[in-house]
């Protein structure tokens, strides 16, 4: 998935604007958009770390979820936002069995 993401970024000429990581790097800067296409256990483990890397108006897209994963992931990330004094609303979408949560 990481190799495919990098190829897509390069193909679209966005290498200067998009970072792709296999491992979560040190918090060097804040991001306007974070996309995490990872299975539910990893999304839960890194909720606080990912949310803390968002800029004040930053958005997060969480995918790689099954329907049964959504409620727990949504609750965990909502809690991570609250720790930073921010409220969050979610949009949920699906392609086949795969679910995606996008912060609004």
PDB file of N, CA and C in Angstrom:
ATOM      1  N   UNK A   1       0.831  -1.194   0.000  1.00  0.00           N
ATOM      2  CA  UNK A   1       0.000   0.000   0.000  1.00  0.00           C
ATOM      3  C   UNK A   1       0.872   1.254   0.000  1.00  0.00           C
ATOM      4  N   UNK A   2       1.957   1.219   0.777  1.00  0.00           N
ATOM      5  CA  UNK A   2       2.840   2.379   0.844  1.00  0.00           C
ATOM      6  C   UNK A   2       3.493   2.644  -0.501  1.00  0.00           C
ATOM      7  N   UNK A   3       3.973   1.598  -1.147  1.00  0.00           N
ATOM      8  CA  UNK A   3       4.594   1.752  -2.459  1.00  0.00           C
ATOM      9  C   UNK A   3       3.587   2.308  -3.467  1.00  0.00           C
ATOM     10  N   UNK A   4       2.375   1.807  -3.424  1.00  0.00           N
ATOM     11  CA  UNK A   4       1.324   2.284  -4.328  1.00  0.00           C
ATOM     12  C   UNK A   4       1.012   3.761  -4.058  1.00  0.00           C
ATOM     13  N   UNK A   5       0.942   4.139  -2.784  1.00  0.00           N
ATOM     14  CA  UNK A   5       0.681   5.539  -2.432  1.00  0.00           C
ATOM     15  C   UNK A   5       1.784   6.439  -2.962  1.00  0.00           C
ATOM     16  N   UNK A   6       3.016   6.030  -2.779  1.00  0.00           N
ATOM     17  CA  UNK A   6       4.146   6.832  -3.274  1.00  0.00           C
ATOM     18  C   UNK A   6       4.113   6.964  -4.796  1.00  0.00           C
ATOM     19  N   UNK A   7       3.790   5.874  -5.475  1.00  0.00           N
ATOM     20  CA  UNK A   7       3.690   5.922  -6.933  1.00  0.00           C
ATOM     21  C   UNK A   7       2.599   6.884  -7.378  1.00  0.00           C
ATOM     22  N   UNK A   8       1.471   6.868  -6.698  1.00  0.00           N
ATOM     23  CA  UNK A   8       0.369   7.772  -7.047  1.00  0.00           C
ATOM     24  C   UNK A   8       0.756   9.228  -6.810  1.00  0.00           C
ATOM     25  N   UNK A   9       1.427   9.482  -5.701  1.00  0.00           N
ATOM     26  CA  UNK A   9       1.871  10.845  -5.389  1.00  0.00           C
ATOM     27  C   UNK A   9       2.857  11.317  -6.455  1.00  0.00           C
ATOM     28  N   UNK A  10       3.800  10.468  -6.810  1.00  0.00           N
ATOM     29  CA  UNK A  10       4.787  10.831  -7.822  1.00  0.00           C
ATOM     30  C   UNK A  10       4.124  11.038  -9.182  1.00  0.00           C
ATOM     31  N   UNK A  11       3.231  10.131  -9.545  1.00  0.00           N
ATOM     32  CA  UNK A  11       2.522  10.221 -10.830  1.00  0.00           C
ATOM     33  C   UNK A  11       1.763  11.544 -10.947  1.00  0.00           C
ATOM     34  N   UNK A  12       1.225  12.020  -9.833  1.00  0.00           N
ATOM     35  CA  UNK A  12       0.449  13.261  -9.834  1.00  0.00           C
ATOM     36  C   UNK A  12       1.302  14.498  -9.559  1.00  0.00           C
ATOM     37  N   UNK A  13       2.613  14.330  -9.492  1.00  0.00           N
ATOM     38  CA  UNK A  13       3.510  15.465  -9.338  1.00  0.00           C
ATOM     39  C   UNK A  13       3.391  16.174  -8.003  1.00  0.00           C
ATOM     40  N   UNK A  14       3.082  15.437  -6.946  1.00  0.00           N
ATOM     41  CA  UNK A  14       2.861  16.046  -5.633  1.00  0.00           C
ATOM     42  C   UNK A  14       3.913  15.667  -4.607  1.00  0.00           C
ATOM     43  N   UNK A  15       5.076  15.206  -5.039  1.00  0.00           N
ATOM     44  CA  UNK A  15       6.113  14.758  -4.102  1.00  0.00           C
ATOM     45  C   UNK A  15       6.522  15.859  -3.121  1.00  0.00           C
ATOM     46  N   UNK A  16       6.470  17.112  -3.536  1.00  0.00           N
ATOM     47  CA  UNK A  16       6.864  18.215  -2.655  1.00  0.00           C
ATOM     48  C   UNK A  16       5.807  18.518  -1.596  1.00  0.00           C
ATOM     49  N   UNK A  17       4.573  18.070  -1.817  1.00  0.00           N
ATOM     50  CA  UNK A  17       3.479  18.408  -0.902  1.00  0.00           C
ATOM     51  C   UNK A  17       2.984  17.242  -0.059  1.00  0.00           C
ATOM     52  N   UNK A  18       3.339  16.010  -0.413  1.00  0.00           N
ATOM     53  CA  UNK A  18       2.772  14.836   0.253  1.00  0.00           C
ATOM     54  C   UNK A  18       3.897  13.975   0.816  1.00  0.00           C
ATOM     55  N   UNK A  19       3.746  13.603   2.079  1.00  0.00           N
ATOM     56  CA  UNK A  19       4.682  12.681   2.724  1.00  0.00           C
ATOM     57  C   UNK A  19       3.980  11.341   2.910  1.00  0.00           C
ATOM     58  N   UNK A  20       4.674  10.248   2.636  1.00  0.00           N
ATOM     59  CA  UNK A  20       4.133   8.902   2.843  1.00  0.00           C
ATOM     60  C   UNK A  20       5.052   8.179   3.823  1.00  0.00           C
ATOM     61  N   UNK A  21       4.471   7.643   4.883  1.00  0.00           N
ATOM     62  CA  UNK A  21       5.263   6.979   5.910  1.00  0.00           C
ATOM     63  C   UNK A  21       4.741   5.581   6.192  1.00  0.00           C
ATOM     64  N   UNK A  22       5.649   4.670   6.434  1.00  0.00           N
ATOM     65  CA  UNK A  22       5.283   3.350   6.921  1.00  0.00           C
ATOM     66  C   UNK A  22       5.222   3.364   8.440  1.00  0.00           C
ATOM     67  N   UNK A  23       6.081   4.165   9.043  1.00  0.00           N
ATOM     68  CA  UNK A  23       6.121   4.309  10.497  1.00  0.00           C
ATOM     69  C   UNK A  23       5.868   5.763  10.838  1.00  0.00           C
ATOM     70  N   UNK A  24       5.226   6.001  11.946  1.00  0.00           N
ATOM     71  CA  UNK A  24       4.904   7.360  12.361  1.00  0.00           C
ATOM     72  C   UNK A  24       6.185   8.089  12.763  1.00  0.00           C
ATOM     73  N   UNK A  25       6.525   9.172  12.055  1.00  0.00           N
ATOM     74  CA  UNK A  25       7.754   9.897  12.376  1.00  0.00           C
ATOM     75  C   UNK A  25       7.581  10.768  13.615  1.00  0.00           C
ATOM     76  N   UNK A  26       8.689  11.305  14.097  1.00  0.00           N
ATOM     77  CA  UNK A  26       8.614  12.274  15.186  1.00  0.00           C
ATOM     78  C   UNK A  26       7.725  13.432  14.739  1.00  0.00           C
ATOM     79  N   UNK A  27       7.142  14.096  15.708  1.00  0.00           N
ATOM     80  CA  UNK A  27       6.257  15.220  15.386  1.00  0.00           C
ATOM     81  C   UNK A  27       7.104  16.429  15.007  1.00  0.00           C
ATOM     82  N   UNK A  28       7.393  16.556  13.717  1.00  0.00           N
ATOM     83  CA  UNK A  28       8.239  17.625  13.211  1.00  0.00           C
ATOM     84  C   UNK A  28       7.425  18.857  12.823  1.00  0.00           C
ATOM     85  N   UNK A  29       6.218  18.616  12.352  1.00  0.00           N
ATOM     86  CA  UNK A  29       5.369  19.712  11.898  1.00  0.00           C
ATOM     87  C   UNK A  29       3.919  19.269  11.972  1.00  0.00           C
ATOM     88  N   UNK A  30       3.011  20.209  11.705  1.00  0.00           N
ATOM     89  CA  UNK A  30       1.593  19.905  11.685  1.00  0.00           C
ATOM     90  C   UNK A  30       1.123  19.778  10.237  1.00  0.00           C
ATOM     91  N   UNK A  31       0.131  18.947  10.020  1.00  0.00           N
ATOM     92  CA  UNK A  31      -0.356  18.666   8.680  1.00  0.00           C
ATOM     93  C   UNK A  31      -1.790  19.144   8.527  1.00  0.00           C
ATOM     94  N   UNK A  32      -2.121  19.598   7.315  1.00  0.00           N
ATOM     95  CA  UNK A  32      -3.489  20.012   7.006  1.00  0.00           C
ATOM     96  C   UNK A  32      -4.383  18.816   6.736  1.00  0.00           C
ATOM     97  N   UNK A  33      -3.804  17.735   6.238  1.00  0.00           N
ATOM     98  CA  UNK A  33      -4.558  16.512   5.953  1.00  0.00           C
ATOM     99  C   UNK A  33      -3.688  15.312   6.322  1.00  0.00           C
ATOM    100  N   UNK A  34      -4.293  14.378   7.043  1.00  0.00           N
ATOM    101  CA  UNK A  34      -3.642  13.098   7.326  1.00  0.00           C
ATOM    102  C   UNK A  34      -4.571  12.002   6.827  1.00  0.00           C
ATOM    103  N   UNK A  35      -4.023  11.093   6.034  1.00  0.00           N
ATOM    104  CA  UNK A  35      -4.772   9.934   5.545  1.00  0.00           C
ATOM    105  C   UNK A  35      -4.124   8.701   6.150  1.00  0.00           C
ATOM    106  N   UNK A  36      -4.914   7.908   6.850  1.00  0.00           N
ATOM    107  CA  UNK A  36      -4.413   6.676   7.456  1.00  0.00           C
ATOM    108  C   UNK A  36      -5.264   5.516   6.946  1.00  0.00           C
ATOM    109  N   UNK A  37      -4.691   4.732   6.071  1.00  0.00           N
ATOM    110  CA  UNK A  37      -5.364   3.559   5.513  1.00  0.00           C
ATOM    111  C   UNK A  37      -4.738   2.332   6.170  1.00  0.00           C
ATOM    112  N   UNK A  38      -5.196   2.069   7.390  1.00  0.00           N
ATOM    113  CA  UNK A  38      -4.599   1.028   8.231  1.00  0.00           C
ATOM    114  C   UNK A  38      -5.747   0.286   8.916  1.00  0.00           C
ATOM    115  N   UNK A  39      -5.525  -0.904   9.317  1.00  0.00           N
ATOM    116  CA  UNK A  39      -6.571  -1.659  10.004  1.00  0.00           C
ATOM    117  C   UNK A  39      -6.867  -1.090  11.393  1.00  0.00           C
ATOM    118  N   UNK A  40      -8.015  -1.409  11.905  1.00  0.00           N
ATOM    119  CA  UNK A  40      -8.559  -0.846  13.137  1.00  0.00           C
ATOM    120  C   UNK A  40      -7.623  -0.876  14.346  1.00  0.00           C
ATOM    121  N   UNK A  41      -6.937  -1.969  14.650  1.00  0.00           N
ATOM    122  CA  UNK A  41      -6.079  -1.953  15.842  1.00  0.00           C
ATOM    123  C   UNK A  41      -4.983  -0.885  15.789  1.00  0.00           C
ATOM    124  N   UNK A  42      -4.415  -0.683  14.620  1.00  0.00           N
ATOM    125  CA  UNK A  42      -3.365   0.326  14.479  1.00  0.00           C
ATOM    126  C   UNK A  42      -3.956   1.725  14.555  1.00  0.00           C
ATOM    127  N   UNK A  43      -5.109   1.937  13.933  1.00  0.00           N
ATOM    128  CA  UNK A  43      -5.769   3.236  14.030  1.00  0.00           C
ATOM    129  C   UNK A  43      -6.065   3.591  15.487  1.00  0.00           C
ATOM    130  N   UNK A  44      -6.517   2.618  16.262  1.00  0.00           N
ATOM    131  CA  UNK A  44      -6.800   2.866  17.677  1.00  0.00           C
ATOM    132  C   UNK A  44      -5.523   3.186  18.440  1.00  0.00           C
ATOM    133  N   UNK A  45      -4.471   2.461  18.181  1.00  0.00           N
ATOM    134  CA  UNK A  45      -3.201   2.653  18.881  1.00  0.00           C
ATOM    135  C   UNK A  45      -2.628   4.052  18.654  1.00  0.00           C
ATOM    136  N   UNK A  46      -2.796   4.586  17.466  1.00  0.00           N
ATOM    137  CA  UNK A  46      -2.146   5.852  17.117  1.00  0.00           C
ATOM    138  C   UNK A  46      -3.099   7.050  17.077  1.00  0.00           C
ATOM    139  N   UNK A  47      -4.277   6.927  17.645  1.00  0.00           N
ATOM    140  CA  UNK A  47      -5.258   8.018  17.589  1.00  0.00           C
ATOM    141  C   UNK A  47      -4.698   9.331  18.120  1.00  0.00           C
ATOM    142  N   UNK A  48      -4.186   9.338  19.338  1.00  0.00           N
ATOM    143  CA  UNK A  48      -3.680  10.578  19.926  1.00  0.00           C
ATOM    144  C   UNK A  48      -2.516  11.138  19.113  1.00  0.00           C
ATOM    145  N   UNK A  49      -1.617  10.279  18.683  1.00  0.00           N
ATOM    146  CA  UNK A  49      -0.443  10.726  17.930  1.00  0.00           C
ATOM    147  C   UNK A  49      -0.839  11.342  16.587  1.00  0.00           C
ATOM    148  N   UNK A  50      -1.782  10.731  15.893  1.00  0.00           N
ATOM    149  CA  UNK A  50      -2.196  11.269  14.597  1.00  0.00           C
ATOM    150  C   UNK A  50      -2.931  12.588  14.759  1.00  0.00           C
ATOM    151  N   UNK A  51      -3.878  12.648  15.672  1.00  0.00           N
ATOM    152  CA  UNK A  51      -4.647  13.876  15.870  1.00  0.00           C
ATOM    153  C   UNK A  51      -3.739  15.017  16.325  1.00  0.00           C
ATOM    154  N   UNK A  52      -2.737  14.716  17.139  1.00  0.00           N
ATOM    155  CA  UNK A  52      -1.838  15.773  17.619  1.00  0.00           C
ATOM    156  C   UNK A  52      -0.969  16.352  16.501  1.00  0.00           C
ATOM    157  N   UNK A  53      -0.903  15.684  15.357  1.00  0.00           N
ATOM    158  CA  UNK A  53      -0.106  16.165  14.232  1.00  0.00           C
ATOM    159  C   UNK A  53      -0.934  16.987  13.244  1.00  0.00           C
ATOM    160  N   UNK A  54      -2.212  17.197  13.534  1.00  0.00           N
ATOM    161  CA  UNK A  54      -3.076  17.984  12.654  1.00  0.00           C
ATOM    162  C   UNK A  54      -2.973  19.469  12.973  1.00  0.00           C
ATOM    163  N   UNK A  55      -2.973  20.297  11.924  1.00  0.00           N
ATOM    164  CA  UNK A  55      -3.049  21.738  12.115  1.00  0.00           C
ATOM    165  C   UNK A  55      -4.420  22.076  12.711  1.00  0.00           C
ATOM    166  N   UNK A  56      -4.610  23.296  13.137  1.00  0.00           N
ATOM    167  CA  UNK A  56      -5.858  23.716  13.797  1.00  0.00           C
ATOM    168  C   UNK A  56      -7.094  23.416  12.953  1.00  0.00           C
ATOM    169  N   UNK A  57      -6.992  23.569  11.653  1.00  0.00           N
ATOM    170  CA  UNK A  57      -8.119  23.301  10.758  1.00  0.00           C
ATOM    171  C   UNK A  57      -7.921  22.000   9.989  1.00  0.00           C
ATOM    172  N   UNK A  58      -6.960  21.188  10.412  1.00  0.00           N
ATOM    173  CA  UNK A  58      -6.621  19.965   9.699  1.00  0.00           C
ATOM    174  C   UNK A  58      -7.732  18.932   9.689  1.00  0.00           C
ATOM    175  N   UNK A  59      -7.731  18.120   8.671  1.00  0.00           N
ATOM    176  CA  UNK A  59      -8.707  17.044   8.483  1.00  0.00           C
ATOM    177  C   UNK A  59      -7.990  15.705   8.526  1.00  0.00           C
ATOM    178  N   UNK A  60      -8.704  14.692   8.988  1.00  0.00           N
ATOM    179  CA  UNK A  60      -8.146  13.344   9.015  1.00  0.00           C
ATOM    180  C   UNK A  60      -9.088  12.399   8.283  1.00  0.00           C
ATOM    181  N   UNK A  61      -8.511  11.508   7.506  1.00  0.00           N
ATOM    182  CA  UNK A  61      -9.271  10.506   6.760  1.00  0.00           C
ATOM    183  C   UNK A  61      -8.785   9.154   7.236  1.00  0.00           C
ATOM    184  N   UNK A  62      -9.701   8.360   7.770  1.00  0.00           N
ATOM    185  CA  UNK A  62      -9.372   7.048   8.327  1.00  0.00           C
ATOM    186  C   UNK A  62     -10.068   5.977   7.496  1.00  0.00           C
ATOM    187  N   UNK A  63      -9.290   5.120   6.867  1.00  0.00           N
ATOM    188  CA  UNK A  63      -9.886   4.066   6.048  1.00  0.00           C
ATOM    189  C   UNK A  63      -9.229   2.736   6.375  1.00  0.00           C
ATOM    190  N   UNK A  64      -9.760   1.689   5.754  1.00  0.00           N
ATOM    191  CA  UNK A  64      -9.302   0.340   6.076  1.00  0.00           C
ATOM    192  C   UNK A  64     -10.164  -0.260   7.172  1.00  0.00           C
ATOM    193  N   UNK A  65     -11.372   0.281   7.313  1.00  0.00           N
ATOM    194  CA  UNK A  65     -12.282  -0.130   8.383  1.00  0.00           C
ATOM    195  C   UNK A  65     -13.404  -1.010   7.850  1.00  0.00           C
ATOM    196  N   UNK A  66     -13.819  -1.947   8.680  1.00  0.00           N
ATOM    197  CA  UNK A  66     -15.042  -2.695   8.415  1.00  0.00           C
ATOM    198  C   UNK A  66     -16.162  -2.068   9.240  1.00  0.00           C
ATOM    199  N   UNK A  67     -17.396  -2.334   8.894  1.00  0.00           N
ATOM    200  CA  UNK A  67     -18.538  -1.715   9.573  1.00  0.00           C
ATOM    201  C   UNK A  67     -18.455  -1.875  11.091  1.00  0.00           C
ATOM    202  N   UNK A  68     -18.048  -3.051  11.569  1.00  0.00           N
ATOM    203  CA  UNK A  68     -17.957  -3.300  13.005  1.00  0.00           C
ATOM    204  C   UNK A  68     -16.851  -2.510  13.701  1.00  0.00           C
ATOM    205  N   UNK A  69     -15.929  -1.927  12.940  1.00  0.00           N
ATOM    206  CA  UNK A  69     -14.818  -1.145  13.500  1.00  0.00           C
ATOM    207  C   UNK A  69     -15.183   0.321  13.723  1.00  0.00           C
ATOM    208  N   UNK A  70     -16.158   0.807  12.993  1.00  0.00           N
ATOM    209  CA  UNK A  70     -16.402   2.243  12.884  1.00  0.00           C
ATOM    210  C   UNK A  70     -16.718   2.903  14.223  1.00  0.00           C
ATOM    211  N   UNK A  71     -17.620   2.359  14.995  1.00  0.00           N
ATOM    212  CA  UNK A  71     -18.039   3.017  16.237  1.00  0.00           C
ATOM    213  C   UNK A  71     -16.871   3.205  17.202  1.00  0.00           C
ATOM    214  N   UNK A  72     -16.044   2.180  17.371  1.00  0.00           N
ATOM    215  CA  UNK A  72     -14.918   2.277  18.300  1.00  0.00           C
ATOM    216  C   UNK A  72     -13.867   3.275  17.808  1.00  0.00           C
ATOM    217  N   UNK A  73     -13.579   3.244  16.513  1.00  0.00           N
ATOM    218  CA  UNK A  73     -12.598   4.178  15.949  1.00  0.00           C
ATOM    219  C   UNK A  73     -13.119   5.611  16.058  1.00  0.00           C
ATOM    220  N   UNK A  74     -14.373   5.811  15.714  1.00  0.00           N
ATOM    221  CA  UNK A  74     -14.967   7.147  15.814  1.00  0.00           C
ATOM    222  C   UNK A  74     -14.898   7.663  17.255  1.00  0.00           C
ATOM    223  N   UNK A  75     -15.227   6.837  18.214  1.00  0.00           N
ATOM    224  CA  UNK A  75     -15.189   7.233  19.628  1.00  0.00           C
ATOM    225  C   UNK A  75     -13.777   7.571  20.069  1.00  0.00           C
ATOM    226  N   UNK A  76     -12.808   6.756  19.685  1.00  0.00           N
ATOM    227  CA  UNK A  76     -11.406   6.968  20.089  1.00  0.00           C
ATOM    228  C   UNK A  76     -10.858   8.270  19.510  1.00  0.00           C
ATOM    229  N   UNK A  77     -11.134   8.535  18.245  1.00  0.00           N
ATOM    230  CA  UNK A  77     -10.636   9.761  17.617  1.00  0.00           C
ATOM    231  C   UNK A  77     -11.388  10.988  18.127  1.00  0.00           C
ATOM    232  N   UNK A  78     -12.662  10.853  18.395  1.00  0.00           N
ATOM    233  CA  UNK A  78     -13.411  11.969  18.985  1.00  0.00           C
ATOM    234  C   UNK A  78     -12.825  12.329  20.346  1.00  0.00           C
ATOM    235  N   UNK A  79     -12.462  11.320  21.124  1.00  0.00           N
ATOM    236  CA  UNK A  79     -11.820  11.535  22.428  1.00  0.00           C
ATOM    237  C   UNK A  79     -10.460  12.216  22.247  1.00  0.00           C
ATOM    238  N   UNK A  80      -9.697  11.817  21.251  1.00  0.00           N
ATOM    239  CA  UNK A  80      -8.385  12.433  20.993  1.00  0.00           C
ATOM    240  C   UNK A  80      -8.549  13.913  20.643  1.00  0.00           C
ATOM    241  N   UNK A  81      -9.567  14.242  19.860  1.00  0.00           N
ATOM    242  CA  UNK A  81      -9.843  15.642  19.536  1.00  0.00           C
ATOM    243  C   UNK A  81     -10.215  16.420  20.800  1.00  0.00           C
ATOM    244  N   UNK A  82     -11.054  15.835  21.652  1.00  0.00           N
ATOM    245  CA  UNK A  82     -11.474  16.513  22.881  1.00  0.00           C
ATOM    246  C   UNK A  82     -10.292  16.805  23.798  1.00  0.00           C
ATOM    247  N   UNK A  83      -9.305  15.910  23.841  1.00  0.00           N
ATOM    248  CA  UNK A  83      -8.107  16.140  24.651  1.00  0.00           C
ATOM    249  C   UNK A  83      -7.384  17.414  24.224  1.00  0.00           C
ATOM    250  N   UNK A  84      -7.535  17.779  22.959  1.00  0.00           N
ATOM    251  CA  UNK A  84      -6.909  18.986  22.433  1.00  0.00           C
ATOM    252  C   UNK A  84      -7.871  20.175  22.452  1.00  0.00           C
ATOM    253  N   UNK A  85      -9.030  19.975  23.088  1.00  0.00           N
ATOM    254  CA  UNK A  85     -10.017  21.047  23.182  1.00  0.00           C
ATOM    255  C   UNK A  85     -10.775  21.315  21.897  1.00  0.00           C
ATOM    256  N   UNK A  86     -10.870  20.303  21.059  1.00  0.00           N
ATOM    257  CA  UNK A  86     -11.548  20.449  19.776  1.00  0.00           C
ATOM    258  C   UNK A  86     -12.713  19.479  19.682  1.00  0.00           C
ATOM    259  N   UNK A  87     -13.773  19.929  19.049  1.00  0.00           N
ATOM    260  CA  UNK A  87     -14.902  19.058  18.749  1.00  0.00           C
ATOM    261  C   UNK A  87     -14.765  18.590  17.304  1.00  0.00           C
ATOM    262  N   UNK A  88     -15.380  17.463  17.016  1.00  0.00           N
ATOM    263  CA  UNK A  88     -15.260  16.893  15.674  1.00  0.00           C
ATOM    264  C   UNK A  88     -16.599  16.319  15.238  1.00  0.00           C
ATOM    265  N   UNK A  89     -16.879  16.459  13.969  1.00  0.00           N
ATOM    266  CA  UNK A  89     -18.009  15.793  13.330  1.00  0.00           C
ATOM    267  C   UNK A  89     -17.425  14.880  12.264  1.00  0.00           C
ATOM    268  N   UNK A  90     -18.149  13.812  11.947  1.00  0.00           N
ATOM    269  CA  UNK A  90     -17.633  12.801  11.024  1.00  0.00           C
ATOM    270  C   UNK A  90     -18.544  12.608   9.829  1.00  0.00           C
ATOM    271  N   UNK A  91     -17.954  12.316   8.701  1.00  0.00           N
ATOM    272  CA  UNK A  91     -18.665  11.823   7.536  1.00  0.00           C
ATOM    273  C   UNK A  91     -18.217  10.370   7.354  1.00  0.00           C
ATOM    274  N   UNK A  92     -19.169   9.480   7.133  1.00  0.00           N
ATOM    275  CA  UNK A  92     -18.849   8.070   6.913  1.00  0.00           C
ATOM    276  C   UNK A  92     -19.259   7.684   5.507  1.00  0.00           C
ATOM    277  N   UNK A  93     -18.361   7.022   4.804  1.00  0.00           N
ATOM    278  CA  UNK A  93     -18.666   6.542   3.463  1.00  0.00           C
ATOM    279  C   UNK A  93     -18.170   5.110   3.332  1.00  0.00           C
ATOM    280  N   UNK A  94     -18.576   4.437   2.257  1.00  0.00           N
ATOM    281  CA  UNK A  94     -18.195   3.041   2.079  1.00  0.00           C
ATOM    282  C   UNK A  94     -18.023   2.717   0.599  1.00  0.00           C
ATOM    283  N   UNK A  95     -17.117   1.796   0.358  1.00  0.00           N
ATOM    284  CA  UNK A  95     -16.982   1.157  -0.957  1.00  0.00           C
ATOM    285  C   UNK A  95     -16.982  -0.332  -0.657  1.00  0.00           C
ATOM    286  N   UNK A  96     -18.062  -0.984  -1.047  1.00  0.00           N
ATOM    287  CA  UNK A  96     -18.211  -2.397  -0.707  1.00  0.00           C
ATOM    288  C   UNK A  96     -18.227  -2.549   0.801  1.00  0.00           C
ATOM    289  N   UNK A  97     -17.417  -3.456   1.316  1.00  0.00           N
ATOM    290  CA  UNK A  97     -17.392  -3.688   2.764  1.00  0.00           C
ATOM    291  C   UNK A  97     -16.481  -2.708   3.508  1.00  0.00           C
ATOM    292  N   UNK A  98     -15.663  -1.939   2.781  1.00  0.00           N
ATOM    293  CA  UNK A  98     -14.694  -1.042   3.418  1.00  0.00           C
ATOM    294  C   UNK A  98     -15.321   0.300   3.751  1.00  0.00           C
ATOM    295  N   UNK A  99     -15.088   0.745   4.962  1.00  0.00           N
ATOM    296  CA  UNK A  99     -15.636   1.989   5.475  1.00  0.00           C
ATOM    297  C   UNK A  99     -14.535   3.047   5.589  1.00  0.00           C
ATOM    298  N   UNK A 100     -14.953   4.307   5.508  1.00  0.00           N
ATOM    299  CA  UNK A 100     -14.029   5.428   5.628  1.00  0.00           C
ATOM    300  C   UNK A 100     -14.684   6.500   6.497  1.00  0.00           C
ATOM    301  N   UNK A 101     -13.910   7.057   7.421  1.00  0.00           N
ATOM    302  CA  UNK A 101     -14.347   8.178   8.242  1.00  0.00           C
ATOM    303  C   UNK A 101     -13.530   9.402   7.852  1.00  0.00           C
ATOM    304  N   UNK A 102     -14.210  10.528   7.643  1.00  0.00           N
ATOM    305  CA  UNK A 102     -13.542  11.781   7.321  1.00  0.00           C
ATOM    306  C   UNK A 102     -14.005  12.830   8.307  1.00  0.00           C
ATOM    307  N   UNK A 103     -13.048  13.532   8.917  1.00  0.00           N
ATOM    308  CA  UNK A 103     -13.419  14.600   9.860  1.00  0.00           C
ATOM    309  C   UNK A 103     -13.943  15.781   9.060  1.00  0.00           C
ATOM    310  N   UNK A 104     -14.897  16.472   9.668  1.00  0.00           N
ATOM    311  CA  UNK A 104     -15.486  17.665   9.016  1.00  0.00           C
ATOM    312  C   UNK A 104     -15.138  18.900   9.815  1.00  0.00           C
TER     313      UNK A 104
END
